[in-house]
Amino acid sequence: MTLICLFVFGKSSFETSIKSNNLLSWFVANKLSFNIEKTCYSAFSYNPSNRNDYSSIDLKINAAKVKMCDSVKYLGM
């Protein structure tokens, strides 16, 4: 099992959403699989009031919506 952390940057939540979905589509097109139950995203912003904008990002992997999470626990090395 491999843990992958991806960081996607954008000037707005819309731009970040487009870039993220393109990246996820690339993974699927190259036959890289995700466990959708263990996949989530977190949003970071310079301005804390913008965090709500990022909760509306619609990320999908094979039509399954990726959930937003507040924290992630890294286990292992």
PDB file of N, CA and C in Angstrom:
ATOM      1  N   MET A   1       0.848  -1.178   0.000  1.00  0.00           N
ATOM      2  CA  MET A   1       0.000   0.000   0.000  1.00  0.00           C
ATOM      3  C   MET A   1       0.891   1.238   0.000  1.00  0.00           C
ATOM      4  N   THR A   2       0.492   2.220  -0.758  1.00  0.00           N
ATOM      5  CA  THR A   2       1.254   3.455  -0.873  1.00  0.00           C
ATOM      6  C   THR A   2       0.390   4.626  -0.459  1.00  0.00           C
ATOM      7  N   LEU A   3       0.956   5.511   0.324  1.00  0.00           N
ATOM      8  CA  LEU A   3       0.280   6.735   0.728  1.00  0.00           C
ATOM      9  C   LEU A   3       0.756   7.853  -0.180  1.00  0.00           C
ATOM     10  N   ILE A   4      -0.171   8.572  -0.743  1.00  0.00           N
ATOM     11  CA  ILE A   4       0.173   9.681  -1.635  1.00  0.00           C
ATOM     12  C   ILE A   4      -0.472  10.954  -1.110  1.00  0.00           C
ATOM     13  N   CYS A   5       0.314  11.988  -0.993  1.00  0.00           N
ATOM     14  CA  CYS A   5      -0.208  13.314  -0.640  1.00  0.00           C
ATOM     15  C   CYS A   5       0.001  14.216  -1.844  1.00  0.00           C
ATOM     16  N   LEU A   6      -1.055  14.831  -2.282  1.00  0.00           N
ATOM     17  CA  LEU A   6      -0.976  15.742  -3.419  1.00  0.00           C
ATOM     18  C   LEU A   6      -1.380  17.131  -2.956  1.00  0.00           C
ATOM     19  N   PHE A   7      -0.674  18.122  -3.425  1.00  0.00           N
ATOM     20  CA  PHE A   7      -1.019  19.501  -3.140  1.00  0.00           C
ATOM     21  C   PHE A   7      -1.359  20.176  -4.454  1.00  0.00           C
ATOM     22  N   VAL A   8      -2.550  20.750  -4.512  1.00  0.00           N
ATOM     23  CA  VAL A   8      -3.005  21.447  -5.711  1.00  0.00           C
ATOM     24  C   VAL A   8      -3.274  22.892  -5.309  1.00  0.00           C
ATOM     25  N   PHE A   9      -2.708  23.814  -6.053  1.00  0.00           N
ATOM     26  CA  PHE A   9      -2.833  25.231  -5.748  1.00  0.00           C
ATOM     27  C   PHE A   9      -3.686  25.923  -6.808  1.00  0.00           C
ATOM     28  N   GLY A  10      -4.466  26.902  -6.356  1.00  0.00           N
ATOM     29  CA  GLY A  10      -5.252  27.690  -7.280  1.00  0.00           C
ATOM     30  C   GLY A  10      -5.564  29.048  -6.676  1.00  0.00           C
ATOM     31  N   LYS A  11      -5.889  30.009  -7.518  1.00  0.00           N
ATOM     32  CA  LYS A  11      -6.217  31.355  -7.042  1.00  0.00           C
ATOM     33  C   LYS A  11      -7.626  31.429  -6.480  1.00  0.00           C
ATOM     34  N   SER A  12      -8.451  30.437  -6.804  1.00  0.00           N
ATOM     35  CA  SER A  12      -9.826  30.404  -6.300  1.00  0.00           C
ATOM     36  C   SER A  12     -10.232  28.947  -6.081  1.00  0.00           C
ATOM     37  N   SER A  13     -11.337  28.750  -5.392  1.00  0.00           N
ATOM     38  CA  SER A  13     -11.815  27.384  -5.175  1.00  0.00           C
ATOM     39  C   SER A  13     -12.211  26.744  -6.504  1.00  0.00           C
ATOM     40  N   PHE A  14     -12.733  27.544  -7.436  1.00  0.00           N
ATOM     41  CA  PHE A  14     -13.118  27.015  -8.747  1.00  0.00           C
ATOM     42  C   PHE A  14     -11.894  26.513  -9.514  1.00  0.00           C
ATOM     43  N   GLU A  15     -10.833  27.324  -9.543  1.00  0.00           N
ATOM     44  CA  GLU A  15      -9.608  26.927 -10.241  1.00  0.00           C
ATOM     45  C   GLU A  15      -8.997  25.684  -9.595  1.00  0.00           C
ATOM     46  N   THR A  16      -8.993  25.635  -8.279  1.00  0.00           N
ATOM     47  CA  THR A  16      -8.453  24.483  -7.565  1.00  0.00           C
ATOM     48  C   THR A  16      -9.271  23.235  -7.865  1.00  0.00           C
ATOM     49  N   SER A  17     -10.579  23.383  -7.946  1.00  0.00           N
ATOM     50  CA  SER A  17     -11.458  22.264  -8.268  1.00  0.00           C
ATOM     51  C   SER A  17     -11.170  21.711  -9.659  1.00  0.00           C
ATOM     52  N   ILE A  18     -11.019  22.591 -10.635  1.00  0.00           N
ATOM     53  CA  ILE A  18     -10.729  22.168 -12.014  1.00  0.00           C
ATOM     54  C   ILE A  18      -9.403  21.420 -12.070  1.00  0.00           C
ATOM     55  N   LYS A  19      -8.367  21.985 -11.471  1.00  0.00           N
ATOM     56  CA  LYS A  19      -7.050  21.348 -11.471  1.00  0.00           C
ATOM     57  C   LYS A  19      -7.089  19.989 -10.773  1.00  0.00           C
ATOM     58  N   SER A  20      -7.782  19.922  -9.648  1.00  0.00           N
ATOM     59  CA  SER A  20      -7.867  18.673  -8.884  1.00  0.00           C
ATOM     60  C   SER A  20      -8.590  17.591  -9.663  1.00  0.00           C
ATOM     61  N   ASN A  21      -9.699  17.948 -10.289  1.00  0.00           N
ATOM     62  CA  ASN A  21     -10.438  16.960 -11.071  1.00  0.00           C
ATOM     63  C   ASN A  21      -9.644  16.495 -12.288  1.00  0.00           C
ATOM     64  N   ASN A  22      -8.885  17.395 -12.908  1.00  0.00           N
ATOM     65  CA  ASN A  22      -8.016  16.993 -14.015  1.00  0.00           C
ATOM     66  C   ASN A  22      -6.956  16.011 -13.544  1.00  0.00           C
ATOM     67  N   LEU A  23      -6.396  16.271 -12.380  1.00  0.00           N
ATOM     68  CA  LEU A  23      -5.380  15.376 -11.820  1.00  0.00           C
ATOM     69  C   LEU A  23      -5.978  14.007 -11.500  1.00  0.00           C
ATOM     70  N   LEU A  24      -7.150  13.995 -10.904  1.00  0.00           N
ATOM     71  CA  LEU A  24      -7.807  12.727 -10.583  1.00  0.00           C
ATOM     72  C   LEU A  24      -8.160  11.963 -11.852  1.00  0.00           C
ATOM     73  N   SER A  25      -8.568  12.664 -12.888  1.00  0.00           N
ATOM     74  CA  SER A  25      -8.865  12.019 -14.178  1.00  0.00           C
ATOM     75  C   SER A  25      -7.607  11.392 -14.765  1.00  0.00           C
ATOM     76  N   TRP A  26      -6.473  12.066 -14.604  1.00  0.00           N
ATOM     77  CA  TRP A  26      -5.204  11.527 -15.090  1.00  0.00           C
ATOM     78  C   TRP A  26      -4.870  10.220 -14.369  1.00  0.00           C
ATOM     79  N   PHE A  27      -5.078  10.196 -13.057  1.00  0.00           N
ATOM     80  CA  PHE A  27      -4.829   8.972 -12.291  1.00  0.00           C
ATOM     81  C   PHE A  27      -5.692   7.823 -12.803  1.00  0.00           C
ATOM     82  N   VAL A  28      -6.962   8.085 -13.013  1.00  0.00           N
ATOM     83  CA  VAL A  28      -7.887   7.046 -13.490  1.00  0.00           C
ATOM     84  C   VAL A  28      -7.500   6.598 -14.898  1.00  0.00           C
ATOM     85  N   ALA A  29      -7.169   7.541 -15.781  1.00  0.00           N
ATOM     86  CA  ALA A  29      -6.794   7.209 -17.158  1.00  0.00           C
ATOM     87  C   ALA A  29      -5.528   6.354 -17.209  1.00  0.00           C
ATOM     88  N   ASN A  30      -4.665   6.507 -16.225  1.00  0.00           N
ATOM     89  CA  ASN A  30      -3.427   5.738 -16.175  1.00  0.00           C
ATOM     90  C   ASN A  30      -3.535   4.520 -15.256  1.00  0.00           C
ATOM     91  N   LYS A  31      -4.784   4.119 -14.995  1.00  0.00           N
ATOM     92  CA  LYS A  31      -5.104   2.905 -14.257  1.00  0.00           C
ATOM     93  C   LYS A  31      -4.516   2.866 -12.843  1.00  0.00           C
ATOM     94  N   LEU A  32      -4.445   4.033 -12.217  1.00  0.00           N
ATOM     95  CA  LEU A  32      -4.050   4.117 -10.814  1.00  0.00           C
ATOM     96  C   LEU A  32      -5.337   4.175 -10.007  1.00  0.00           C
ATOM     97  N   SER A  33      -5.468   3.330  -9.022  1.00  0.00           N
ATOM     98  CA  SER A  33      -6.733   3.230  -8.306  1.00  0.00           C
ATOM     99  C   SER A  33      -6.671   3.896  -6.938  1.00  0.00           C
ATOM    100  N   PHE A  34      -7.828   4.280  -6.467  1.00  0.00           N
ATOM    101  CA  PHE A  34      -7.997   4.889  -5.155  1.00  0.00           C
ATOM    102  C   PHE A  34      -9.020   4.070  -4.381  1.00  0.00           C
ATOM    103  N   ASN A  35      -8.834   3.983  -3.083  1.00  0.00           N
ATOM    104  CA  ASN A  35      -9.882   3.472  -2.226  1.00  0.00           C
ATOM    105  C   ASN A  35     -10.703   4.692  -1.839  1.00  0.00           C
ATOM    106  N   ILE A  36     -11.845   4.863  -2.451  1.00  0.00           N
ATOM    107  CA  ILE A  36     -12.648   6.075  -2.267  1.00  0.00           C
ATOM    108  C   ILE A  36     -13.068   6.249  -0.806  1.00  0.00           C
ATOM    109  N   GLU A  37     -13.182   5.154  -0.064  1.00  0.00           N
ATOM    110  CA  GLU A  37     -13.554   5.241   1.353  1.00  0.00           C
ATOM    111  C   GLU A  37     -12.437   5.845   2.201  1.00  0.00           C
ATOM    112  N   LYS A  38     -11.192   5.741   1.723  1.00  0.00           N
ATOM    113  CA  LYS A  38     -10.051   6.250   2.482  1.00  0.00           C
ATOM    114  C   LYS A  38      -9.465   7.516   1.850  1.00  0.00           C
ATOM    115  N   THR A  39     -10.128   8.048   0.850  1.00  0.00           N
ATOM    116  CA  THR A  39      -9.633   9.218   0.147  1.00  0.00           C
ATOM    117  C   THR A  39     -10.403  10.449   0.603  1.00  0.00           C
ATOM    118  N   CYS A  40      -9.684  11.504   0.938  1.00  0.00           N
ATOM    119  CA  CYS A  40     -10.322  12.757   1.326  1.00  0.00           C
ATOM    120  C   CYS A  40      -9.408  13.916   0.956  1.00  0.00           C
ATOM    121  N   TYR A  41      -9.926  15.110   1.082  1.00  0.00           N
ATOM    122  CA  TYR A  41      -9.114  16.290   0.812  1.00  0.00           C
ATOM    123  C   TYR A  41      -9.284  17.298   1.931  1.00  0.00           C
ATOM    124  N   SER A  42      -8.276  18.127   2.107  1.00  0.00           N
ATOM    125  CA  SER A  42      -8.314  19.232   3.058  1.00  0.00           C
ATOM    126  C   SER A  42      -8.034  20.512   2.293  1.00  0.00           C
ATOM    127  N   ALA A  43      -8.588  21.599   2.763  1.00  0.00           N
ATOM    128  CA  ALA A  43      -8.392  22.888   2.103  1.00  0.00           C
ATOM    129  C   ALA A  43      -7.591  23.813   3.007  1.00  0.00           C
ATOM    130  N   PHE A  44      -6.647  24.505   2.407  1.00  0.00           N
ATOM    131  CA  PHE A  44      -5.828  25.482   3.113  1.00  0.00           C
ATOM    132  C   PHE A  44      -5.956  26.811   2.386  1.00  0.00           C
ATOM    133  N   SER A  45      -5.989  27.876   3.158  1.00  0.00           N
ATOM    134  CA  SER A  45      -6.105  29.196   2.564  1.00  0.00           C
ATOM    135  C   SER A  45      -5.376  30.204   3.440  1.00  0.00           C
ATOM    136  N   TYR A  46      -4.837  31.245   2.796  1.00  0.00           N
ATOM    137  CA  TYR A  46      -4.219  32.324   3.564  1.00  0.00           C
ATOM    138  C   TYR A  46      -5.263  33.025   4.420  1.00  0.00           C
ATOM    139  N   ASN A  47      -6.451  33.124   3.899  1.00  0.00           N
ATOM    140  CA  ASN A  47      -7.538  33.810   4.580  1.00  0.00           C
ATOM    141  C   ASN A  47      -8.512  32.771   5.136  1.00  0.00           C
ATOM    142  N   PRO A  48      -8.612  32.644   6.465  1.00  0.00           N
ATOM    143  CA  PRO A  48      -9.491  31.621   7.055  1.00  0.00           C
ATOM    144  C   PRO A  48     -10.956  31.729   6.621  1.00  0.00           C
ATOM    145  N   SER A  49     -11.411  32.917   6.263  1.00  0.00           N
ATOM    146  CA  SER A  49     -12.808  33.069   5.843  1.00  0.00           C
ATOM    147  C   SER A  49     -13.064  32.415   4.487  1.00  0.00           C
ATOM    148  N   ASN A  50     -11.999  32.147   3.702  1.00  0.00           N
ATOM    149  CA  ASN A  50     -12.154  31.490   2.406  1.00  0.00           C
ATOM    150  C   ASN A  50     -12.352  29.988   2.529  1.00  0.00           C
ATOM    151  N   ARG A  51     -12.132  29.426   3.713  1.00  0.00           N
ATOM    152  CA  ARG A  51     -12.220  27.980   3.884  1.00  0.00           C
ATOM    153  C   ARG A  51     -13.596  27.454   3.489  1.00  0.00           C
ATOM    154  N   ASN A  52     -14.642  28.218   3.743  1.00  0.00           N
ATOM    155  CA  ASN A  52     -15.995  27.785   3.372  1.00  0.00           C
ATOM    156  C   ASN A  52     -16.150  27.651   1.869  1.00  0.00           C
ATOM    157  N   ASP A  53     -15.433  28.474   1.097  1.00  0.00           N
ATOM    158  CA  ASP A  53     -15.484  28.371  -0.359  1.00  0.00           C
ATOM    159  C   ASP A  53     -14.991  27.010  -0.820  1.00  0.00           C
ATOM    160  N   TYR A  54     -13.994  26.490  -0.125  1.00  0.00           N
ATOM    161  CA  TYR A  54     -13.384  25.231  -0.530  1.00  0.00           C
ATOM    162  C   TYR A  54     -14.213  24.015  -0.125  1.00  0.00           C
ATOM    163  N   SER A  55     -15.150  24.187   0.789  1.00  0.00           N
ATOM    164  CA  SER A  55     -16.006  23.054   1.169  1.00  0.00           C
ATOM    165  C   SER A  55     -16.979  22.697   0.049  1.00  0.00           C
ATOM    166  N   SER A  56     -17.143  23.609  -0.904  1.00  0.00           N
ATOM    167  CA  SER A  56     -18.058  23.352  -2.015  1.00  0.00           C
ATOM    168  C   SER A  56     -17.366  22.721  -3.226  1.00  0.00           C
ATOM    169  N   ILE A  57     -16.056  22.433  -3.108  1.00  0.00           N
ATOM    170  CA  ILE A  57     -15.345  21.801  -4.217  1.00  0.00           C
ATOM    171  C   ILE A  57     -15.945  20.428  -4.467  1.00  0.00           C
ATOM    172  N   ASP A  58     -16.201  20.143  -5.713  1.00  0.00           N
ATOM    173  CA  ASP A  58     -16.836  18.880  -6.094  1.00  0.00           C
ATOM    174  C   ASP A  58     -15.806  17.967  -6.759  1.00  0.00           C
ATOM    175  N   LEU A  59     -15.064  17.210  -5.935  1.00  0.00           N
ATOM    176  CA  LEU A  59     -14.071  16.280  -6.463  1.00  0.00           C
ATOM    177  C   LEU A  59     -14.699  14.909  -6.618  1.00  0.00           C
ATOM    178  N   LYS A  60     -14.464  14.288  -7.775  1.00  0.00           N
ATOM    179  CA  LYS A  60     -15.046  12.970  -8.035  1.00  0.00           C
ATOM    180  C   LYS A  60     -14.015  12.037  -8.641  1.00  0.00           C
ATOM    181  N   ILE A  61     -14.091  10.784  -8.235  1.00  0.00           N
ATOM    182  CA  ILE A  61     -13.290   9.715  -8.825  1.00  0.00           C
ATOM    183  C   ILE A  61     -14.286   8.682  -9.332  1.00  0.00           C
ATOM    184  N   ASN A  62     -14.348   8.508 -10.651  1.00  0.00           N
ATOM    185  CA  ASN A  62     -15.320   7.589 -11.261  1.00  0.00           C
ATOM    186  C   ASN A  62     -16.731   7.826 -10.727  1.00  0.00           C
ATOM    187  N   ALA A  63     -17.159   9.055 -10.703  1.00  0.00           N
ATOM    188  CA  ALA A  63     -18.490   9.489 -10.279  1.00  0.00           C
ATOM    189  C   ALA A  63     -18.733   9.390  -8.776  1.00  0.00           C
ATOM    190  N   ALA A  64     -17.751   8.952  -7.983  1.00  0.00           N
ATOM    191  CA  ALA A  64     -17.885   8.905  -6.529  1.00  0.00           C
ATOM    192  C   ALA A  64     -17.282  10.177  -5.948  1.00  0.00           C
ATOM    193  N   LYS A  65     -18.037  10.850  -5.107  1.00  0.00           N
ATOM    194  CA  LYS A  65     -17.590  12.119  -4.550  1.00  0.00           C
ATOM    195  C   LYS A  65     -16.534  11.896  -3.468  1.00  0.00           C
ATOM    196  N   VAL A  66     -15.474  12.712  -3.520  1.00  0.00           N
ATOM    197  CA  VAL A  66     -14.413  12.681  -2.511  1.00  0.00           C
ATOM    198  C   VAL A  66     -14.833  13.603  -1.372  1.00  0.00           C
ATOM    199  N   LYS A  67     -14.736  13.114  -0.153  1.00  0.00           N
ATOM    200  CA  LYS A  67     -15.192  13.909   0.995  1.00  0.00           C
ATOM    201  C   LYS A  67     -14.091  14.843   1.496  1.00  0.00           C
ATOM    202  N   MET A  68     -14.530  15.925   2.122  1.00  0.00           N
ATOM    203  CA  MET A  68     -13.598  16.876   2.729  1.00  0.00           C
ATOM    204  C   MET A  68     -13.359  16.457   4.172  1.00  0.00           C
ATOM    205  N   CYS A  69     -12.125  16.583   4.655  1.00  0.00           N
ATOM    206  CA  CYS A  69     -11.820  16.248   6.044  1.00  0.00           C
ATOM    207  C   CYS A  69     -11.026  17.377   6.671  1.00  0.00           C
ATOM    208  N   ASP A  70     -11.165  17.498   7.989  1.00  0.00           N
ATOM    209  CA  ASP A  70     -10.462  18.556   8.713  1.00  0.00           C
ATOM    210  C   ASP A  70      -9.037  18.169   9.095  1.00  0.00           C
ATOM    211  N   SER A  71      -8.810  16.866   9.250  1.00  0.00           N
ATOM    212  CA  SER A  71      -7.478  16.408   9.639  1.00  0.00           C
ATOM    213  C   SER A  71      -7.203  15.037   9.044  1.00  0.00           C
ATOM    214  N   VAL A  72      -5.920  14.712   8.969  1.00  0.00           N
ATOM    215  CA  VAL A  72      -5.488  13.435   8.430  1.00  0.00           C
ATOM    216  C   VAL A  72      -4.452  12.859   9.371  1.00  0.00           C
ATOM    217  N   LYS A  73      -4.525  11.572   9.608  1.00  0.00           N
ATOM    218  CA  LYS A  73      -3.557  10.917  10.477  1.00  0.00           C
ATOM    219  C   LYS A  73      -2.636  10.065   9.617  1.00  0.00           C
ATOM    220  N   TYR A  74      -1.349  10.366   9.665  1.00  0.00           N
ATOM    221  CA  TYR A  74      -0.362   9.580   8.939  1.00  0.00           C
ATOM    222  C   TYR A  74       0.148   8.477   9.859  1.00  0.00           C
ATOM    223  N   LEU A  75       0.015   7.254   9.418  1.00  0.00           N
ATOM    224  CA  LEU A  75       0.493   6.124  10.204  1.00  0.00           C
ATOM    225  C   LEU A  75       1.688   5.489   9.491  1.00  0.00           C
ATOM    226  N   GLY A  76       2.591   4.963  10.244  1.00  0.00           N
ATOM    227  CA  GLY A  76       3.731   4.290   9.624  1.00  0.00           C
ATOM    228  C   GLY A  76       5.021   5.028   9.905  1.00  0.00           C
ATOM    229  N   MET A  77       5.917   4.946   8.968  1.00  0.00           N
ATOM    230  CA  MET A  77       7.272   5.483   9.170  1.00  0.00           C
ATOM    231  C   MET A  77       7.285   6.983   9.278  1.00  0.00           C
TER     232      MET A  77
END
